[in-house]
Amino acid sequence: MNHGTTNKAATEAAPDRCLEDPGTVVEAERLFKGGQVLVIEFRGERYRLRKTRNGKLILTK
């Protein structure tokens, strides 16, 4: 098994699925309200969404 290859068809199809039904779009900055961490409660569990120095988002339980 070669773990270094990707399924090109699946990779190219993913953006199209997002465009068909994008759901509700919310600007992340509106949720963060100037902070670096956002706590999301889902089904009784709390998750932390944080911004990195590189401008990425990380979700942890």
N, C-alpha and C. Protein backbone atom coordinates (compact mmCIF):
# COMPACT_ATOMS: atom_id res chain seq x y z
N MET A 1 0.85 -1.18 0.00
CA MET A 1 0.00 0.00 0.00
C MET A 1 0.89 1.24 0.00
N ASN A 2 0.60 2.19 -0.89
CA ASN A 2 1.38 3.41 -0.99
C ASN A 2 0.61 4.55 -0.33
N HIS A 3 1.10 5.02 0.82
CA HIS A 3 0.42 6.10 1.54
C HIS A 3 0.77 7.48 1.00
N GLY A 4 1.69 7.58 0.07
CA GLY A 4 2.12 8.86 -0.45
C GLY A 4 1.26 9.38 -1.59
N THR A 5 0.36 8.55 -2.12
CA THR A 5 -0.47 8.98 -3.24
C THR A 5 -1.85 9.38 -2.74
N THR A 6 -2.53 10.21 -3.52
CA THR A 6 -3.89 10.62 -3.18
C THR A 6 -4.81 10.25 -4.32
N ASN A 7 -6.07 10.16 -4.04
CA ASN A 7 -7.07 9.88 -5.06
C ASN A 7 -7.42 11.21 -5.71
N LYS A 8 -6.90 11.43 -6.91
CA LYS A 8 -7.07 12.72 -7.58
C LYS A 8 -8.54 13.04 -7.83
N ALA A 9 -9.32 12.05 -8.22
CA ALA A 9 -10.74 12.29 -8.50
C ALA A 9 -11.47 12.75 -7.24
N ALA A 10 -11.18 12.12 -6.11
CA ALA A 10 -11.84 12.51 -4.85
C ALA A 10 -11.41 13.90 -4.43
N THR A 11 -10.14 14.22 -4.62
CA THR A 11 -9.62 15.53 -4.25
C THR A 11 -10.26 16.62 -5.09
N GLU A 12 -10.43 16.38 -6.36
CA GLU A 12 -11.01 17.39 -7.25
C GLU A 12 -12.51 17.52 -7.05
N ALA A 13 -13.19 16.46 -6.60
CA ALA A 13 -14.64 16.50 -6.44
C ALA A 13 -15.06 17.22 -5.16
N ALA A 14 -14.21 17.24 -4.17
CA ALA A 14 -14.58 17.81 -2.87
C ALA A 14 -15.03 19.26 -2.96
N PRO A 15 -14.33 20.15 -3.66
CA PRO A 15 -14.80 21.55 -3.73
C PRO A 15 -16.16 21.68 -4.38
N ASP A 16 -16.48 20.83 -5.36
CA ASP A 16 -17.77 20.90 -6.02
C ASP A 16 -18.90 20.57 -5.05
N ARG A 17 -18.70 19.61 -4.18
CA ARG A 17 -19.74 19.26 -3.20
C ARG A 17 -20.00 20.44 -2.28
N CYS A 18 -18.96 21.16 -1.90
CA CYS A 18 -19.13 22.32 -1.01
C CYS A 18 -19.93 23.41 -1.69
N LEU A 19 -19.75 23.58 -2.99
CA LEU A 19 -20.46 24.63 -3.71
C LEU A 19 -21.93 24.29 -3.91
N GLU A 20 -22.26 23.00 -3.98
CA GLU A 20 -23.65 22.60 -4.18
C GLU A 20 -24.50 22.98 -2.97
N ASP A 21 -24.00 22.77 -1.76
CA ASP A 21 -24.74 23.09 -0.54
C ASP A 21 -23.77 23.62 0.50
N PRO A 22 -23.46 24.92 0.43
CA PRO A 22 -22.47 25.47 1.37
C PRO A 22 -22.98 25.58 2.80
N GLY A 23 -24.27 25.39 3.03
CA GLY A 23 -24.80 25.54 4.38
C GLY A 23 -24.77 27.00 4.79
N THR A 24 -24.71 27.23 6.08
CA THR A 24 -24.64 28.59 6.59
C THR A 24 -23.19 29.03 6.65
N VAL A 25 -22.89 30.17 6.07
CA VAL A 25 -21.53 30.70 6.07
C VAL A 25 -21.45 31.82 7.09
N VAL A 26 -20.49 31.69 8.01
CA VAL A 26 -20.28 32.70 9.06
C VAL A 26 -18.82 33.09 9.03
N GLU A 27 -18.53 34.37 8.99
CA GLU A 27 -17.14 34.83 9.05
C GLU A 27 -16.57 34.48 10.43
N ALA A 28 -15.45 33.81 10.45
CA ALA A 28 -14.84 33.37 11.71
C ALA A 28 -14.55 34.54 12.64
N GLU A 29 -14.12 35.66 12.10
CA GLU A 29 -13.79 36.81 12.94
C GLU A 29 -15.00 37.30 13.73
N ARG A 30 -16.19 37.14 13.18
CA ARG A 30 -17.40 37.54 13.92
C ARG A 30 -17.58 36.65 15.14
N LEU A 31 -17.22 35.38 15.02
CA LEU A 31 -17.35 34.45 16.15
C LEU A 31 -16.26 34.67 17.19
N PHE A 32 -15.04 34.91 16.73
CA PHE A 32 -13.92 35.10 17.64
C PHE A 32 -13.98 36.43 18.39
N LYS A 33 -14.63 37.43 17.81
CA LYS A 33 -14.79 38.75 18.43
C LYS A 33 -13.46 39.30 18.94
N GLY A 34 -12.43 39.19 18.12
CA GLY A 34 -11.12 39.73 18.48
C GLY A 34 -10.25 38.81 19.32
N GLY A 35 -10.80 37.69 19.78
CA GLY A 35 -10.03 36.75 20.60
C GLY A 35 -9.29 35.72 19.75
N GLN A 36 -8.63 34.82 20.41
CA GLN A 36 -7.86 33.77 19.73
C GLN A 36 -8.49 32.39 19.87
N VAL A 37 -9.42 32.23 20.83
CA VAL A 37 -10.02 30.92 21.10
C VAL A 37 -11.53 31.05 21.18
N LEU A 38 -12.22 30.07 20.63
CA LEU A 38 -13.67 30.00 20.66
C LEU A 38 -14.04 28.63 21.21
N VAL A 39 -14.94 28.59 22.19
CA VAL A 39 -15.41 27.31 22.73
C VAL A 39 -16.76 27.02 22.11
N ILE A 40 -16.88 25.83 21.52
CA ILE A 40 -18.11 25.39 20.87
C ILE A 40 -18.66 24.21 21.66
N GLU A 41 -19.92 24.29 22.07
CA GLU A 41 -20.54 23.17 22.76
C GLU A 41 -21.42 22.43 21.76
N PHE A 42 -21.23 21.12 21.67
CA PHE A 42 -21.98 20.29 20.73
C PHE A 42 -22.32 18.98 21.41
N ARG A 43 -23.61 18.73 21.57
CA ARG A 43 -24.10 17.49 22.20
C ARG A 43 -23.46 17.25 23.57
N GLY A 44 -23.36 18.30 24.37
CA GLY A 44 -22.84 18.18 25.72
C GLY A 44 -21.32 18.14 25.82
N GLU A 45 -20.63 18.18 24.70
CA GLU A 45 -19.16 18.16 24.68
C GLU A 45 -18.67 19.55 24.30
N ARG A 46 -17.54 19.95 24.86
CA ARG A 46 -16.95 21.25 24.53
C ARG A 46 -15.72 21.06 23.65
N TYR A 47 -15.65 21.88 22.62
CA TYR A 47 -14.54 21.87 21.68
C TYR A 47 -13.92 23.26 21.65
N ARG A 48 -12.61 23.33 21.45
CA ARG A 48 -11.91 24.61 21.35
C ARG A 48 -11.48 24.81 19.90
N LEU A 49 -11.86 25.94 19.35
CA LEU A 49 -11.41 26.34 18.02
C LEU A 49 -10.46 27.50 18.23
N ARG A 50 -9.22 27.31 17.82
CA ARG A 50 -8.25 28.38 18.05
C ARG A 50 -7.55 28.77 16.76
N LYS A 51 -7.14 30.03 16.73
CA LYS A 51 -6.39 30.56 15.58
C LYS A 51 -4.90 30.37 15.86
N THR A 52 -4.17 29.98 14.83
CA THR A 52 -2.72 29.84 14.96
C THR A 52 -2.04 31.12 14.50
N ARG A 53 -0.75 31.21 14.78
CA ARG A 53 0.03 32.37 14.32
C ARG A 53 0.10 32.42 12.79
N ASN A 54 -0.07 31.26 12.16
CA ASN A 54 0.01 31.18 10.70
C ASN A 54 -1.33 31.42 10.03
N GLY A 55 -2.34 31.82 10.80
CA GLY A 55 -3.66 32.12 10.21
C GLY A 55 -4.50 30.91 9.92
N LYS A 56 -4.25 29.80 10.57
CA LYS A 56 -5.04 28.59 10.37
C LYS A 56 -5.92 28.38 11.60
N LEU A 57 -6.90 27.46 11.47
CA LEU A 57 -7.78 27.13 12.58
C LEU A 57 -7.54 25.69 13.00
N ILE A 58 -7.55 25.46 14.32
CA ILE A 58 -7.40 24.11 14.86
C ILE A 58 -8.55 23.85 15.82
N LEU A 59 -9.25 22.72 15.61
CA LEU A 59 -10.36 22.33 16.48
C LEU A 59 -9.91 21.14 17.31
N THR A 60 -10.02 21.29 18.65
CA THR A 60 -9.65 20.19 19.55
C THR A 60 -10.77 19.95 20.55
N LYS A 61 -10.81 18.73 21.07
CA LYS A 61 -11.83 18.36 22.05
C LYS A 61 -11.27 18.60 23.43
